[in-house]
Amino acid sequence: MLDVRRLRLLRELQIRGTLAGVAEALSFSPSAVSQQLSLLEKEVGVRLLRASGRRVVLTPQAEILVAHTAEVLRTLERAEAELASSLTAVTGTVRVAVFQSAALALMPDALTLMEAEFPEVRVEMVQREPESALRETWARDFDLVIAEQYPGHAAPRHPELDKRTLTSDAVQLATPPEGRGPFHPRSIGDAAGAAWVMEPHGTASRHWAEQTCRRAGFEPDVRFETADLQSHIRLIESGHAVALMPDLVWTGRPTMAVLRRLPDNPRRTIFTSVREAGSSRPAIVAFRDVLERTASLVASDSLATDEGPATDDSQAG
């Protein structure tokens, strides 16, 4: 009988790429990982790894084992979910990966509801960019991910992950208040000469923002780059930059920024994904339900206050 724990190490090596990566992910030492994989080779009686420079790569026989290991892990996760569903109490830990604006707008109220309704569920949250968080959830680093998708920009797809829409929000041009700084474009087309703040290269928001500017006929002058949207807000409100900002960032806070609608009123979709094998686990079901209720309340509040400083681009200038 093959050892499932050793088989998982082999699969982790395929995912992480290095022994050090496997060791870090599973809190082992690299030497312990290497020793366990050597024992697995003895168990199966074939070579599973070969050297490639300073790295090791999987042999074709190892790839066969990894494919079966993935199915074994899915079966075990389904068994765990079914076992948890047979109990009367909702318990356990839910490891959540979430991007910044969702962490600020949704997580505090969702956690309050979880504590009140499911006090025996422990929720652990880590902030991650959606692109990497989806892959890490597939790789079993997290149980649930809150991710985003911009118009015309499909989020990465991973086997074994489902996808459920949580909410959506408009993306608008955010400019400084009158009297602060030199940049006060009244439309996206007027923003060609402005200083911009954007998220780093490689993020969906950065790619979408650059493409939006190019469709408006100019290359944005990205003078400031940061993944911290609170820094974006400070740079805009202090008069130093303009940006394309999703409405969720304004949840629960007033702003001095002037928000101007874009042509076609583009909306960002926010969704949750979990591994399908564990999707019926009661703690995950409960947390997803709480998130959806929270998102619905936030959306209702946003609609109720939609008569703020936003100006329709078609009526501007």
Protein backbone atom coordinates (compact mmCIF):
# COMPACT_ATOMS: atom_id res chain seq x y z
CA MET A 1 0.00 0.00 0.00
CA LEU A 2 1.45 3.36 -1.02
CA ASP A 3 1.81 6.04 1.63
CA VAL A 4 -0.61 8.89 0.85
CA ARG A 5 1.51 11.42 2.73
CA ARG A 6 4.50 10.64 0.54
CA LEU A 7 2.37 10.74 -2.57
CA ARG A 8 1.20 14.19 -1.54
CA LEU A 9 4.82 15.33 -1.25
CA LEU A 10 5.36 14.20 -4.83
CA ARG A 11 2.32 16.17 -5.99
CA GLU A 12 3.50 19.20 -4.03
CA LEU A 13 6.85 18.98 -5.82
CA GLN A 14 5.05 19.10 -9.15
CA ILE A 15 3.12 22.19 -7.98
CA ARG A 16 5.89 24.07 -6.14
CA GLY A 17 8.77 23.17 -8.42
CA THR A 18 11.49 22.79 -5.78
CA LEU A 19 12.15 20.75 -2.66
CA ALA A 20 12.59 24.00 -0.74
CA GLY A 21 9.16 25.16 -1.94
CA VAL A 22 7.56 21.93 -0.76
CA ALA A 23 9.34 22.17 2.58
CA GLU A 24 8.15 25.75 3.12
CA ALA A 25 4.56 24.98 2.15
CA LEU A 26 4.27 21.98 4.46
CA SER A 27 6.55 23.15 7.29
CA PHE A 28 9.11 20.40 6.69
CA SER A 29 12.85 20.62 6.23
CA PRO A 30 14.15 20.11 2.66
CA SER A 31 16.13 17.09 3.84
CA ALA A 32 12.99 15.50 5.32
CA VAL A 33 11.13 16.01 2.03
CA SER A 34 14.01 14.46 0.10
CA GLN A 35 14.15 11.49 2.48
CA GLN A 36 10.41 10.81 2.19
CA LEU A 37 10.53 10.96 -1.60
CA SER A 38 13.44 8.53 -1.59
CA LEU A 39 11.36 6.13 0.50
CA LEU A 40 8.49 6.51 -1.97
CA GLU A 41 10.83 5.55 -4.81
CA LYS A 42 11.74 2.38 -2.91
CA GLU A 43 8.05 1.62 -2.33
CA VAL A 44 7.12 1.85 -6.01
CA GLY A 45 10.37 0.37 -7.31
CA VAL A 46 10.88 2.94 -10.08
CA ARG A 47 12.76 6.18 -10.40
CA LEU A 48 10.53 9.17 -9.68
CA LEU A 49 12.95 12.11 -9.80
CA ARG A 50 15.88 13.10 -11.99
CA ALA A 51 18.35 15.92 -11.67
CA SER A 52 18.06 18.92 -13.99
CA GLY A 53 20.79 21.38 -13.11
CA ARG A 54 20.26 22.31 -9.48
CA ARG A 55 16.64 21.22 -9.55
CA VAL A 56 14.86 17.89 -9.67
CA VAL A 57 12.06 17.10 -12.10
CA LEU A 58 9.45 14.37 -12.12
CA THR A 59 9.84 11.33 -14.36
CA PRO A 60 6.92 10.13 -16.53
CA GLN A 61 6.22 7.45 -13.91
CA ALA A 62 6.03 10.14 -11.21
CA GLU A 63 3.54 12.09 -13.31
CA ILE A 64 1.31 9.00 -13.44
CA LEU A 65 1.40 8.75 -9.66
CA VAL A 66 0.64 12.47 -9.28
CA ALA A 67 -2.47 12.18 -11.47
CA HIS A 68 -3.81 9.39 -9.28
CA THR A 69 -2.79 11.24 -6.12
CA ALA A 70 -4.93 14.21 -7.11
CA GLU A 71 -7.95 11.92 -7.38
CA VAL A 72 -7.14 10.29 -4.02
CA LEU A 73 -6.95 13.71 -2.35
CA ARG A 74 -10.26 14.76 -3.91
CA THR A 75 -11.86 11.56 -2.60
CA LEU A 76 -10.50 12.16 0.88
CA GLU A 77 -11.71 15.76 0.86
CA ARG A 78 -15.18 14.67 -0.21
CA ALA A 79 -15.17 12.09 2.60
CA GLU A 80 -14.18 14.74 5.13
CA ALA A 81 -16.95 17.05 3.87
CA GLU A 82 -19.54 14.28 4.07
CA LEU A 83 -18.40 13.34 7.57
CA ALA A 84 -18.63 16.96 8.72
CA SER A 85 -22.11 17.23 7.17
CA SER A 86 -23.29 14.28 9.27
CA LEU A 87 -22.66 16.22 12.50
CA THR A 88 -25.15 18.59 14.08
CA ALA A 89 -22.63 21.34 14.95
CA VAL A 90 -20.83 23.43 12.33
CA THR A 91 -17.17 23.41 13.31
CA GLY A 92 -13.70 23.55 11.81
CA THR A 93 -11.35 26.07 10.22
CA VAL A 94 -11.85 27.96 6.96
CA ARG A 95 -8.66 29.39 5.46
CA VAL A 96 -9.54 32.38 3.28
CA ALA A 97 -7.47 34.28 0.69
CA VAL A 98 -8.85 37.72 -0.15
CA PHE A 99 -7.74 40.84 -2.02
CA GLN A 100 -7.54 44.19 -0.27
CA SER A 101 -10.77 45.99 -1.18
CA ALA A 102 -12.85 42.91 -0.40
CA ALA A 103 -10.94 42.43 2.86
CA LEU A 104 -11.84 45.97 3.91
CA ALA A 105 -15.42 46.10 2.64
CA LEU A 106 -16.70 42.58 3.29
CA MET A 107 -14.63 40.70 5.83
CA PRO A 108 -15.27 42.70 9.05
CA ASP A 109 -19.07 42.34 8.84
CA ALA A 110 -18.80 38.75 7.59
CA LEU A 111 -16.61 37.83 10.55
CA THR A 112 -19.06 39.47 12.95
CA LEU A 113 -21.89 37.37 11.52
CA MET A 114 -19.79 34.19 11.68
CA GLU A 115 -18.95 34.79 15.32
CA ALA A 116 -22.62 35.30 16.14
CA GLU A 117 -24.07 32.42 14.09
CA PHE A 118 -21.24 29.87 13.91
CA PRO A 119 -19.03 30.46 16.94
CA GLU A 120 -17.27 27.10 16.59
CA VAL A 121 -15.91 27.94 13.13
CA ARG A 122 -12.46 29.51 13.03
CA VAL A 123 -11.86 31.80 10.03
CA GLU A 124 -8.27 32.55 9.08
CA MET A 125 -7.66 35.30 6.50
CA VAL A 126 -4.60 36.12 4.40
CA GLN A 127 -4.44 38.98 1.91
CA ARG A 128 -3.40 37.78 -1.55
CA GLU A 129 -3.64 39.02 -5.11
CA PRO A 130 -6.45 37.10 -6.86
CA GLU A 131 -4.21 35.67 -9.60
CA SER A 132 -1.94 33.88 -7.12
CA ALA A 133 -4.71 33.17 -4.59
CA LEU A 134 -6.73 31.11 -7.07
CA ARG A 135 -3.76 28.88 -7.76
CA GLU A 136 -2.94 28.60 -4.06
CA THR A 137 -6.52 27.55 -3.30
CA TRP A 138 -6.28 24.88 -6.00
CA ALA A 139 -2.96 23.81 -4.41
CA ARG A 140 -4.74 23.47 -1.02
CA ASP A 141 -3.05 26.38 0.73
CA PHE A 142 -6.53 27.90 1.26
CA ASP A 143 -10.08 26.58 1.49
CA LEU A 144 -11.79 29.57 -0.13
CA VAL A 145 -10.69 32.53 -2.22
CA ILE A 146 -12.44 35.83 -2.84
CA ALA A 147 -11.27 36.96 -6.28
CA GLU A 148 -12.11 39.52 -8.94
CA GLN A 149 -12.63 39.68 -12.69
CA TYR A 150 -12.52 42.83 -14.79
CA PRO A 151 -14.62 43.28 -17.93
CA GLY A 152 -13.09 41.43 -20.88
CA HIS A 153 -10.32 40.05 -18.67
CA ALA A 154 -11.01 36.45 -17.64
CA ALA A 155 -9.69 35.35 -14.27
CA PRO A 156 -7.32 32.33 -14.28
CA ARG A 157 -9.12 28.99 -14.33
CA HIS A 158 -7.89 26.02 -12.33
CA PRO A 159 -9.12 22.44 -12.31
CA GLU A 160 -11.13 21.41 -9.26
CA LEU A 161 -12.23 24.98 -8.41
CA ASP A 162 -15.84 26.11 -8.70
CA LYS A 163 -16.89 29.74 -9.16
CA ARG A 164 -19.80 31.62 -7.58
CA THR A 165 -20.54 35.30 -8.17
CA LEU A 166 -20.57 37.30 -4.93
CA THR A 167 -21.30 40.82 -6.17
CA SER A 168 -20.20 43.40 -8.70
CA ASP A 169 -19.20 47.04 -8.53
CA ALA A 170 -18.67 49.87 -10.99
CA VAL A 171 -15.18 51.09 -11.84
CA GLN A 172 -14.92 54.87 -12.06
CA LEU A 173 -12.35 57.55 -12.75
CA ALA A 174 -11.31 59.03 -9.40
CA THR A 175 -9.83 62.53 -9.51
CA PRO A 176 -8.70 65.00 -6.84
CA PRO A 177 -11.14 67.42 -5.25
CA GLU A 178 -11.28 70.89 -6.72
CA GLY A 179 -8.48 73.09 -5.43
CA ARG A 180 -6.05 70.24 -4.81
CA GLY A 181 -3.33 69.51 -7.34
CA PRO A 182 -3.18 70.22 -11.07
CA PHE A 183 -5.17 67.19 -12.31
CA HIS A 184 -8.94 67.59 -12.65
CA PRO A 185 -9.99 65.70 -15.79
CA ARG A 186 -13.73 65.63 -16.37
CA SER A 187 -13.58 62.41 -18.40
CA ILE A 188 -11.22 59.54 -19.15
CA GLY A 189 -10.33 61.26 -22.43
CA ASP A 190 -9.21 64.37 -20.53
CA ALA A 191 -6.84 62.36 -18.32
CA ALA A 192 -4.05 61.94 -20.88
CA GLY A 193 -1.83 64.53 -19.22
CA ALA A 194 -2.51 63.47 -15.64
CA ALA A 195 -0.25 61.54 -13.30
CA TRP A 196 -1.71 58.09 -12.63
CA VAL A 197 -1.48 55.64 -9.75
CA MET A 198 -1.98 51.97 -10.61
CA GLU A 199 -1.40 48.55 -9.13
CA PRO A 200 1.77 46.64 -10.12
CA HIS A 201 2.29 44.93 -13.47
CA GLY A 202 0.89 41.42 -13.58
CA THR A 203 -2.37 42.26 -11.83
CA ALA A 204 -5.68 42.16 -13.69
CA SER A 205 -6.54 45.66 -12.51
CA ARG A 206 -3.32 47.09 -13.97
CA HIS A 207 -3.83 45.40 -17.34
CA TRP A 208 -7.46 46.52 -17.49
CA ALA A 209 -6.64 50.12 -16.50
CA GLU A 210 -3.90 50.43 -19.11
CA GLN A 211 -6.15 49.00 -21.81
CA THR A 212 -8.95 51.40 -20.83
CA CYS A 213 -6.60 54.37 -21.18
CA ARG A 214 -5.31 53.11 -24.53
CA ARG A 215 -8.85 52.70 -25.83
CA ALA A 216 -9.39 56.33 -24.83
CA GLY A 217 -6.44 57.28 -27.05
CA PHE A 218 -3.45 57.71 -24.75
CA GLU A 219 -0.72 55.89 -22.83
CA PRO A 220 -1.12 56.62 -19.10
CA ASP A 221 1.71 58.35 -17.25
CA VAL A 222 1.94 55.86 -14.36
CA ARG A 223 3.94 57.88 -11.91
CA PHE A 224 2.97 55.88 -8.81
CA GLU A 225 2.70 52.11 -8.46
CA THR A 226 1.44 50.30 -5.36
CA ALA A 227 -0.80 47.37 -4.51
CA ASP A 228 -2.16 49.28 -1.50
CA LEU A 229 -5.45 50.88 -2.54
CA GLN A 230 -5.45 53.03 0.59
CA SER A 231 -2.32 54.66 -0.83
CA HIS A 232 -4.19 55.19 -4.11
CA ILE A 233 -6.92 57.01 -2.21
CA ARG A 234 -4.46 59.23 -0.35
CA LEU A 235 -2.63 60.15 -3.56
CA ILE A 236 -5.92 61.03 -5.27
CA GLU A 237 -7.41 63.01 -2.38
CA SER A 238 -4.17 64.94 -1.84
CA GLY A 239 -4.14 66.03 -5.49
CA HIS A 240 -1.17 64.05 -6.79
CA ALA A 241 -2.80 61.45 -9.06
CA VAL A 242 -5.88 60.09 -10.76
CA ALA A 243 -6.91 56.43 -10.93
CA LEU A 244 -9.55 53.96 -12.04
CA MET A 245 -11.08 52.78 -8.78
CA PRO A 246 -13.72 50.12 -8.06
CA ASP A 247 -16.62 51.34 -5.93
CA LEU A 248 -16.02 48.75 -3.21
CA VAL A 249 -13.01 50.75 -1.95
CA TRP A 250 -15.32 53.54 -0.80
CA THR A 251 -17.47 51.25 1.37
CA GLY A 252 -17.95 52.69 4.85
CA ARG A 253 -15.89 55.83 4.26
CA PRO A 254 -16.58 59.29 2.86
CA THR A 255 -14.21 60.58 0.20
CA MET A 256 -13.16 63.97 -1.09
CA ALA A 257 -12.32 62.42 -4.49
CA VAL A 258 -14.51 63.24 -7.47
CA LEU A 259 -15.83 60.07 -9.11
CA ARG A 260 -16.70 60.16 -12.78
CA ARG A 261 -18.44 57.35 -14.61
CA LEU A 262 -16.72 55.74 -17.57
CA PRO A 263 -18.31 55.08 -20.96
CA ASP A 264 -20.45 51.90 -20.87
CA ASN A 265 -20.28 51.93 -17.03
CA PRO A 266 -17.89 48.95 -16.71
CA ARG A 267 -18.34 46.69 -13.69
CA ARG A 268 -15.93 44.40 -11.91
CA THR A 269 -17.21 40.97 -10.83
CA ILE A 270 -16.27 39.64 -7.40
CA PHE A 271 -16.61 35.91 -6.87
CA THR A 272 -15.70 33.08 -4.52
CA SER A 273 -14.04 29.81 -5.46
CA VAL A 274 -13.50 26.63 -3.47
CA ARG A 275 -12.37 23.15 -4.41
CA GLU A 276 -15.46 21.28 -5.57
CA ALA A 277 -14.52 18.25 -3.45
CA GLY A 278 -14.82 20.32 -0.27
CA SER A 279 -17.62 22.66 -1.30
CA SER A 280 -20.23 20.83 0.79
CA ARG A 281 -18.23 21.09 4.03
CA PRO A 282 -20.62 22.85 6.45
CA ALA A 283 -18.09 25.46 7.59
CA ILE A 284 -17.44 26.47 3.97
CA VAL A 285 -21.16 26.48 3.14
CA ALA A 286 -21.82 28.68 6.19
CA PHE A 287 -19.06 31.15 5.41
CA ARG A 288 -20.09 31.44 1.76
CA ASP A 289 -23.66 32.16 2.83
CA VAL A 290 -22.48 34.82 5.27
CA LEU A 291 -20.29 36.41 2.60
CA GLU A 292 -23.20 36.55 0.16
CA ARG A 293 -25.47 38.17 2.73
CA THR A 294 -22.76 40.70 3.59
CA ALA A 295 -22.14 41.50 -0.07
CA SER A 296 -25.87 41.99 -0.62
CA LEU A 297 -26.04 44.48 2.24
CA VAL A 298 -22.99 46.36 0.97
CA ALA A 299 -24.50 46.52 -2.52
CA SER A 300 -27.78 47.85 -1.07
CA ASP A 301 -25.92 50.54 0.89
CA SER A 302 -23.98 51.47 -2.25
CA LEU A 303 -27.18 51.90 -4.25
CA ALA A 304 -28.69 53.98 -1.47
CA THR A 305 -25.74 56.40 -1.52
CA ASP A 306 -25.20 56.40 -5.27
CA GLU A 307 -26.11 60.08 -5.47
CA GLY A 308 -22.65 61.09 -4.23
CA PRO A 309 -19.99 63.02 -6.14
CA ALA A 310 -19.99 60.74 -9.20
CA THR A 311 -20.58 62.52 -12.49
CA ASP A 312 -21.74 60.81 -15.67
CA ASP A 313 -18.90 60.98 -18.18
CA SER A 314 -21.33 61.65 -21.00
CA GLN A 315 -22.43 64.85 -19.26
CA ALA A 316 -18.96 66.03 -18.30
CA GLY A 317 -17.16 68.71 -20.20
